[in-house]
Amino acid sequence: MIMEDKNRYNSIDEYIENFPIDTQEILQKIRSTILKAVPEAKEKISYGMPAFDFKGILVYFAAYKNHIGFYPTGSGIEAFKDKITGYKTSKGTIQFPLNEPIPMDLIIEIVNFRVSENLRKSKK
């Protein structure tokens, strides 16, 4: 993934089309999974990568050579730490290896958690 110019992409479609076909298919599946979970979410490019906004950012994702980076914020990592032990993680990222099935059910769970979190914050 080329990140020198963070304004390089104007849409998630533009972002996705820069990857090999097999990676594009995975990115499109993640995208549609998120939108199915939260149809009201708005797509955007933020920090040079696809992001979904619903009363604040829900998640970001990005493709790399060997993995998909999934960014559910620190709270999303903390809330699911027991379910993501098999993946490389950091403070705000989960790495899903490209040579393994992407856990779409887990992505849905995390996105739904982030929706609840953003709804609580928006009511304050």
Foldseek 3Di string as FASTA:
>chain_A
DDQPDLVPDFFQVRQLVVDPPLSSVVSVVLVVLLCVLPVPWDWGRDSSFIWTDDLHTQWTWHDDDFWIKIFRAQVLCVVCVVVQVVFDADNGITTGTPVDDDPSVSSSVSSVVSNVVSVVVVVD
